[in-house]
């Protein structure tokens, strides 16, 4: 009886040890299957387009396919919550953007804390915003637009991707810096807001450059200024806000990767290393530059610092603009 008991106990301990070693082994071998990247917006926007280009390049480095899924809605909260609650094994990854840092200031009750429940992995690119107007509007400079909005307060409509969306907050930064006045018209995403500006349903928008660049180049939108520190090679004739006398109108978006908070460090490291390798390729860098994005290629620590800084900035903007947390 004693021998049988000892044998059973020994077998149990061996089984437990084997089970405990599985996560470590899985983490060491990562990735052994397809990785799912979750984009918090519909297809076709800046975050989605940039993610798909980089995913293709990173899949080759990781020797596994990367499946890009769009889980749009609620200003990115659906996707953020989905990923934060997923298994922390590196197979469900969030394509993260500025909504990580704007959400905490806009909503009193959230199912997760984006800055605590999601861990930064890598920052791919930053993207400036561009102030655009519908071509039917008889303004050709920022000074013209400011004068018109002050002459006819509230008459012009400003289109955004929704209350509290990055596009909306970018517009508020510019409005506060310049003293412009307009009526805010929220849409369900940046894409519809851009189309509404093209059609003249609204007259003004401040989308991220990659999503608006095709329409600007086609003459369907008129660009008045960009929010980048320097002029952009894709729009060399368009001045910066700082150039025009508004250095406080600093705003930019970004695209990166985030994972559930409990994800092992070596998995985060492998994803980061694959991103660095992919973004070092001249072909990918040229593609991203052509979209109006700037490759920054920053590690998890640097990405985390950016998140903290931006969260503080957006909190001030929300307060100054009088946007009430929901």
Protein backbone atom coordinates (compact mmCIF):
# COMPACT_ATOMS: atom_id res chain seq x y z
CA UNK A 1 0.00 0.00 0.00
CA UNK A 2 2.82 2.39 0.94
CA UNK A 3 4.74 1.63 -2.26
CA UNK A 4 1.62 2.21 -4.35
CA UNK A 5 0.98 5.52 -2.60
CA UNK A 6 4.57 6.67 -3.19
CA UNK A 7 4.37 5.65 -6.83
CA UNK A 8 1.08 7.52 -7.30
CA UNK A 9 2.50 10.62 -5.63
CA UNK A 10 5.61 10.50 -7.78
CA UNK A 11 3.52 10.19 -10.94
CA UNK A 12 1.38 13.13 -9.85
CA UNK A 13 4.43 15.31 -9.24
CA UNK A 14 5.88 14.39 -12.64
CA UNK A 15 2.57 15.22 -14.32
CA UNK A 16 2.38 18.58 -12.53
CA UNK A 17 5.94 19.40 -13.50
CA UNK A 18 5.18 18.56 -17.10
CA UNK A 19 2.11 20.80 -17.09
CA UNK A 20 4.06 23.67 -15.55
CA UNK A 21 6.72 23.37 -18.23
CA UNK A 22 4.27 23.66 -21.14
CA UNK A 23 3.82 27.46 -21.03
CA UNK A 24 7.60 27.95 -20.83
CA UNK A 25 8.18 25.61 -23.73
CA UNK A 26 5.41 27.24 -25.73
CA UNK A 27 6.87 30.68 -25.06
CA UNK A 28 10.33 29.51 -26.09
CA UNK A 29 9.05 28.01 -29.35
CA UNK A 30 6.79 30.96 -30.16
CA UNK A 31 5.27 31.30 -32.66
CA UNK A 32 4.08 27.83 -33.64
CA UNK A 33 0.83 28.90 -35.32
CA UNK A 34 -0.91 31.87 -36.92
CA UNK A 35 -0.95 35.18 -35.05
CA UNK A 36 -4.10 37.33 -35.01
CA UNK A 37 -3.72 41.09 -35.18
CA UNK A 38 -6.84 42.98 -34.11
CA UNK A 39 -7.42 46.40 -35.71
CA UNK A 40 -9.91 48.59 -33.78
CA UNK A 41 -11.36 50.24 -36.90
CA UNK A 42 -13.01 49.30 -40.21
CA UNK A 43 -10.80 48.39 -43.19
CA UNK A 44 -9.21 51.15 -45.22
CA UNK A 45 -8.18 53.63 -42.51
CA UNK A 46 -4.64 54.58 -41.55
CA UNK A 47 -4.28 52.00 -38.78
CA UNK A 48 -5.60 49.20 -40.97
CA UNK A 49 -3.51 50.03 -44.05
CA UNK A 50 -0.26 50.44 -42.10
CA UNK A 51 -0.93 47.25 -40.12
CA UNK A 52 -1.44 45.14 -43.23
CA UNK A 53 1.79 46.33 -44.86
CA UNK A 54 3.82 45.64 -41.73
CA UNK A 55 2.05 42.35 -40.96
CA UNK A 56 3.05 41.00 -44.36
CA UNK A 57 6.71 41.83 -43.71
CA UNK A 58 6.73 40.56 -40.12
CA UNK A 59 5.09 37.25 -41.07
CA UNK A 60 8.15 36.47 -43.15
CA UNK A 61 10.45 37.17 -40.20
CA UNK A 62 8.38 35.08 -37.78
CA UNK A 63 7.80 32.26 -40.31
CA UNK A 64 4.10 32.23 -39.44
CA UNK A 65 1.07 33.84 -41.04
CA UNK A 66 -0.42 36.96 -39.48
CA UNK A 67 -4.18 37.30 -39.84
CA UNK A 68 -5.46 40.89 -39.60
CA UNK A 69 -8.97 41.16 -38.13
CA UNK A 70 -11.09 44.31 -37.91
CA UNK A 71 -13.09 44.68 -34.70
CA UNK A 72 -14.46 48.18 -35.05
CA UNK A 73 -16.73 50.09 -32.70
CA UNK A 74 -16.93 52.16 -29.52
CA UNK A 75 -13.87 54.26 -30.38
CA UNK A 76 -11.55 51.28 -30.22
CA UNK A 77 -12.83 49.99 -26.86
CA UNK A 78 -14.25 46.76 -28.34
CA UNK A 79 -10.90 45.73 -29.79
CA UNK A 80 -8.93 46.86 -26.73
CA UNK A 81 -11.16 44.89 -24.39
CA UNK A 82 -11.10 41.81 -26.62
CA UNK A 83 -7.31 41.70 -26.69
CA UNK A 84 -6.82 42.60 -23.02
CA UNK A 85 -9.01 39.64 -22.04
CA UNK A 86 -7.40 37.20 -24.48
CA UNK A 87 -4.86 34.57 -23.42
CA UNK A 88 -1.48 36.27 -22.86
CA UNK A 89 0.31 33.95 -25.26
CA UNK A 90 1.26 36.29 -28.12
CA UNK A 91 -1.34 34.95 -30.55
CA UNK A 92 -3.90 37.74 -30.06
CA UNK A 93 -2.29 41.14 -30.57
CA UNK A 94 -3.75 44.66 -30.72
CA UNK A 95 -2.77 47.04 -33.48
CA UNK A 96 -2.70 50.00 -31.12
CA UNK A 97 -2.99 53.72 -31.72
CA UNK A 98 -3.74 56.99 -29.94
CA UNK A 99 -7.11 55.71 -28.67
CA UNK A 100 -5.16 53.87 -25.95
CA UNK A 101 -4.27 57.23 -24.45
CA UNK A 102 -7.44 59.21 -25.17
CA UNK A 103 -9.95 56.65 -23.86
CA UNK A 104 -9.11 56.99 -20.12
CA UNK A 105 -9.92 60.71 -20.18
CA UNK A 106 -13.17 60.30 -22.10
CA UNK A 107 -15.00 57.53 -20.24
CA UNK A 108 -15.75 57.25 -16.53
CA UNK A 109 -16.39 53.52 -16.62
CA UNK A 110 -14.33 51.17 -18.74
CA UNK A 111 -14.26 47.36 -18.75
CA UNK A 112 -10.46 47.53 -18.75
CA UNK A 113 -7.68 50.03 -18.11
CA UNK A 114 -5.95 50.29 -21.52
CA UNK A 115 -2.68 51.53 -20.04
CA UNK A 116 -2.48 48.78 -17.41
CA UNK A 117 -4.20 45.80 -19.02
CA UNK A 118 -2.33 46.13 -22.32
CA UNK A 119 1.45 45.93 -22.61
CA UNK A 120 3.31 47.95 -25.28
CA UNK A 121 5.34 45.84 -27.71
CA UNK A 122 6.59 48.10 -30.48
CA UNK A 123 5.90 51.48 -32.06
CA UNK A 124 5.95 51.27 -35.84
CA UNK A 125 5.21 54.73 -37.19
CA UNK A 126 3.93 58.16 -36.32
CA UNK A 127 1.50 59.96 -38.60
CA UNK A 128 0.77 63.69 -38.74
CA UNK A 129 -2.68 65.12 -39.11
CA UNK A 130 -3.62 67.39 -41.96
CA UNK A 131 -6.10 70.24 -41.92
CA UNK A 132 -8.30 69.88 -44.99
CA UNK A 133 -11.34 71.65 -46.39
CA UNK A 134 -13.80 70.81 -49.11
CA UNK A 135 -12.66 72.42 -52.41
CA UNK A 136 -16.01 74.21 -52.70
CA UNK A 137 -15.05 76.34 -49.70
CA UNK A 138 -13.45 79.55 -50.95
CA UNK A 139 -10.43 79.46 -48.66
CA UNK A 140 -6.87 78.64 -49.69
CA UNK A 141 -4.87 79.32 -46.54
CA UNK A 142 -5.18 78.75 -42.82
CA UNK A 143 -5.51 82.53 -42.33
CA UNK A 144 -8.48 82.54 -44.72
CA UNK A 145 -10.16 79.75 -42.78
CA UNK A 146 -9.60 81.36 -39.38
CA UNK A 147 -11.04 84.65 -40.65
CA UNK A 148 -14.08 82.92 -42.12
CA UNK A 149 -14.87 80.91 -38.98
CA UNK A 150 -14.65 84.05 -36.88
CA UNK A 151 -16.75 86.06 -39.32
CA UNK A 152 -19.49 83.43 -39.33
CA UNK A 153 -19.18 81.61 -35.96
CA UNK A 154 -20.61 78.11 -35.97
CA UNK A 155 -21.69 78.21 -39.62
CA UNK A 156 -18.96 75.88 -40.87
CA UNK A 157 -19.13 72.20 -39.96
CA UNK A 158 -16.19 70.17 -38.73
CA UNK A 159 -16.38 66.41 -39.36
CA UNK A 160 -14.79 63.81 -37.11
CA UNK A 161 -14.75 60.06 -36.58
CA UNK A 162 -16.91 60.39 -33.48
CA UNK A 163 -16.95 62.29 -30.19
CA UNK A 164 -13.59 61.80 -28.53
CA UNK A 165 -12.05 60.04 -31.53
CA UNK A 166 -8.43 60.87 -32.38
CA UNK A 167 -9.67 62.85 -35.38
CA UNK A 168 -12.02 64.87 -33.15
CA UNK A 169 -9.32 65.58 -30.57
CA UNK A 170 -6.82 66.57 -33.26
CA UNK A 171 -9.35 69.14 -34.44
CA UNK A 172 -9.81 70.42 -30.90
CA UNK A 173 -6.05 70.97 -30.55
CA UNK A 174 -6.06 73.07 -33.72
CA UNK A 175 -9.24 74.90 -32.73
CA UNK A 176 -7.88 75.81 -29.30
CA UNK A 177 -4.56 76.95 -30.76
CA UNK A 178 -6.04 79.14 -33.50
CA UNK A 179 -9.31 80.34 -31.99
CA UNK A 180 -11.38 78.91 -34.85
CA UNK A 181 -15.07 78.26 -34.29
CA UNK A 182 -17.17 75.59 -35.95
CA UNK A 183 -19.97 73.11 -35.40
CA UNK A 184 -18.77 69.60 -34.67
CA UNK A 185 -20.45 66.82 -36.68
CA UNK A 186 -19.40 63.32 -35.51
CA UNK A 187 -19.45 60.33 -37.89
CA UNK A 188 -18.94 56.62 -37.34
CA UNK A 189 -15.27 56.55 -38.23
CA UNK A 190 -12.67 58.64 -40.01
CA UNK A 191 -13.57 57.20 -43.44
CA UNK A 192 -17.15 58.54 -43.41
CA UNK A 193 -15.92 61.89 -42.07
CA UNK A 194 -13.45 62.23 -44.94
CA UNK A 195 -16.11 61.33 -47.50
CA UNK A 196 -18.46 63.88 -45.95
CA UNK A 197 -15.75 66.53 -46.36
CA UNK A 198 -15.19 65.52 -49.98
CA UNK A 199 -18.92 65.83 -50.69
CA UNK A 200 -19.25 69.15 -48.87
CA UNK A 201 -21.61 67.80 -46.20
CA UNK A 202 -19.02 69.19 -43.77
CA UNK A 203 -16.41 71.75 -44.71
CA UNK A 204 -13.46 70.98 -42.43
CA UNK A 205 -11.64 67.91 -41.10
CA UNK A 206 -8.29 67.04 -39.50
CA UNK A 207 -7.67 63.39 -40.46
CA UNK A 208 -4.39 61.56 -40.19
CA UNK A 209 -2.42 62.09 -43.38
CA UNK A 210 -2.38 58.51 -44.77
CA UNK A 211 -6.17 58.31 -44.80
CA UNK A 212 -6.59 61.70 -46.51
CA UNK A 213 -3.58 61.75 -48.84
CA UNK A 214 -5.25 60.03 -51.84
CA UNK A 215 -8.13 62.53 -51.77
CA UNK A 216 -5.74 65.47 -51.43
CA UNK A 217 -3.64 64.29 -54.37
CA UNK A 218 -6.79 63.76 -56.44
CA UNK A 219 -7.91 67.33 -55.74
CA UNK A 220 -11.00 66.20 -53.83
CA UNK A 221 -9.74 67.81 -50.63
CA UNK A 222 -7.69 70.97 -50.19
CA UNK A 223 -4.88 70.70 -47.62
CA UNK A 224 -4.11 73.89 -45.70
CA UNK A 225 -1.56 72.74 -43.11
CA UNK A 226 0.10 69.69 -41.58
CA UNK A 227 0.87 69.09 -37.92
CA UNK A 228 4.31 67.54 -38.49
CA UNK A 229 7.49 69.29 -37.21
CA UNK A 230 8.73 69.69 -40.78
CA UNK A 231 7.16 69.83 -44.22
CA UNK A 232 6.49 66.45 -45.75
CA UNK A 233 8.01 65.13 -48.96
CA UNK A 234 4.59 63.83 -50.05
CA UNK A 235 3.09 67.33 -49.66
CA UNK A 236 6.07 69.68 -50.00
CA UNK A 237 3.97 72.78 -50.70
CA UNK A 238 1.81 72.47 -47.59
CA UNK A 239 3.12 74.44 -44.59
CA UNK A 240 3.27 73.18 -41.02
CA UNK A 241 1.12 74.66 -38.26
CA UNK A 242 4.29 75.83 -36.50
CA UNK A 243 5.44 77.58 -39.68
CA UNK A 244 2.16 79.44 -39.76
CA UNK A 245 2.62 80.72 -36.22
CA UNK A 246 0.90 78.02 -34.16
CA UNK A 247 3.63 75.93 -32.47
CA UNK A 248 1.17 74.69 -29.83
CA UNK A 249 -0.85 72.88 -32.49
CA UNK A 250 1.23 69.76 -31.98
CA UNK A 251 -0.66 66.58 -32.64
CA UNK A 252 0.15 63.26 -34.22
CA UNK A 253 -1.10 59.73 -34.34
CA UNK A 254 0.75 56.45 -34.42
CA UNK A 255 0.46 52.75 -35.11
CA UNK A 256 2.08 50.08 -32.94
CA UNK A 257 1.50 46.72 -31.29
CA UNK A 258 0.21 45.87 -27.81
CA UNK A 259 -0.53 42.56 -26.07
CA UNK A 260 -2.35 41.42 -22.91
CA UNK A 261 -0.48 42.56 -19.79
CA UNK A 262 0.56 39.07 -18.72
CA UNK A 263 2.35 38.18 -21.96
CA UNK A 264 5.85 36.75 -21.30
CA UNK A 265 8.80 39.07 -21.93
CA UNK A 266 10.46 36.75 -24.43
CA UNK A 267 7.33 36.77 -26.62
CA UNK A 268 7.24 40.57 -26.48
CA UNK A 269 10.91 40.52 -27.39
CA UNK A 270 10.40 38.21 -30.37
CA UNK A 271 7.60 40.37 -31.75
CA UNK A 272 9.71 43.48 -31.26
CA UNK A 273 12.74 41.95 -32.95
CA UNK A 274 10.64 40.86 -35.93
CA UNK A 275 9.19 44.38 -36.19
CA UNK A 276 12.65 45.95 -36.12
CA UNK A 277 13.86 43.61 -38.85
CA UNK A 278 10.80 44.26 -41.03
CA UNK A 279 11.02 48.03 -40.64
CA UNK A 280 14.69 48.03 -41.62
CA UNK A 281 13.78 46.86 -45.12
CA UNK A 282 14.02 49.69 -47.69
CA UNK A 283 10.95 48.49 -49.59
CA UNK A 284 8.65 48.66 -46.56
CA UNK A 285 10.08 51.99 -45.43
CA UNK A 286 9.45 53.43 -48.90
CA UNK A 287 5.85 52.16 -48.86
CA UNK A 288 5.16 53.67 -45.45
CA UNK A 289 6.79 56.97 -46.40
CA UNK A 290 4.60 57.08 -49.48
CA UNK A 291 1.57 56.87 -47.20
CA UNK A 292 2.76 59.90 -45.25
CA UNK A 293 3.92 57.87 -42.24
CA UNK A 294 7.26 58.30 -40.47
CA UNK A 295 9.01 55.11 -39.38
CA UNK A 296 10.13 55.50 -35.75
CA UNK A 297 10.83 51.86 -34.88
CA UNK A 298 10.77 52.19 -31.07
CA UNK A 299 10.95 49.40 -28.50
CA UNK A 300 8.46 48.54 -25.77
CA UNK A 301 10.02 50.87 -23.17
CA UNK A 302 9.98 53.88 -25.49
CA UNK A 303 6.44 53.09 -26.59
CA UNK A 304 5.37 52.93 -22.94
CA UNK A 305 6.87 56.37 -22.28
CA UNK A 306 5.02 57.81 -25.26
CA UNK A 307 1.74 56.38 -23.97
CA UNK A 308 2.22 58.02 -20.56
CA UNK A 309 3.12 61.40 -22.07
CA UNK A 310 0.24 61.35 -24.53
CA UNK A 311 -2.30 60.30 -21.89
CA UNK A 312 -1.39 63.40 -19.86
CA UNK A 313 -1.61 65.64 -22.92
CA UNK A 314 -5.00 64.35 -24.02
CA UNK A 315 -6.38 64.73 -20.51
CA UNK A 316 -5.55 68.45 -20.70
CA UNK A 317 -7.08 68.75 -24.19
CA UNK A 318 -10.32 67.04 -23.11
CA UNK A 319 -10.58 69.41 -20.16
CA UNK A 320 -9.74 72.54 -22.16
CA UNK A 321 -12.16 71.65 -24.97
CA UNK A 322 -14.97 70.99 -22.50
CA UNK A 323 -15.54 67.41 -23.67
CA UNK A 324 -17.45 65.67 -20.90
CA UNK A 325 -16.37 62.11 -19.96
CA UNK A 326 -19.13 59.63 -20.73
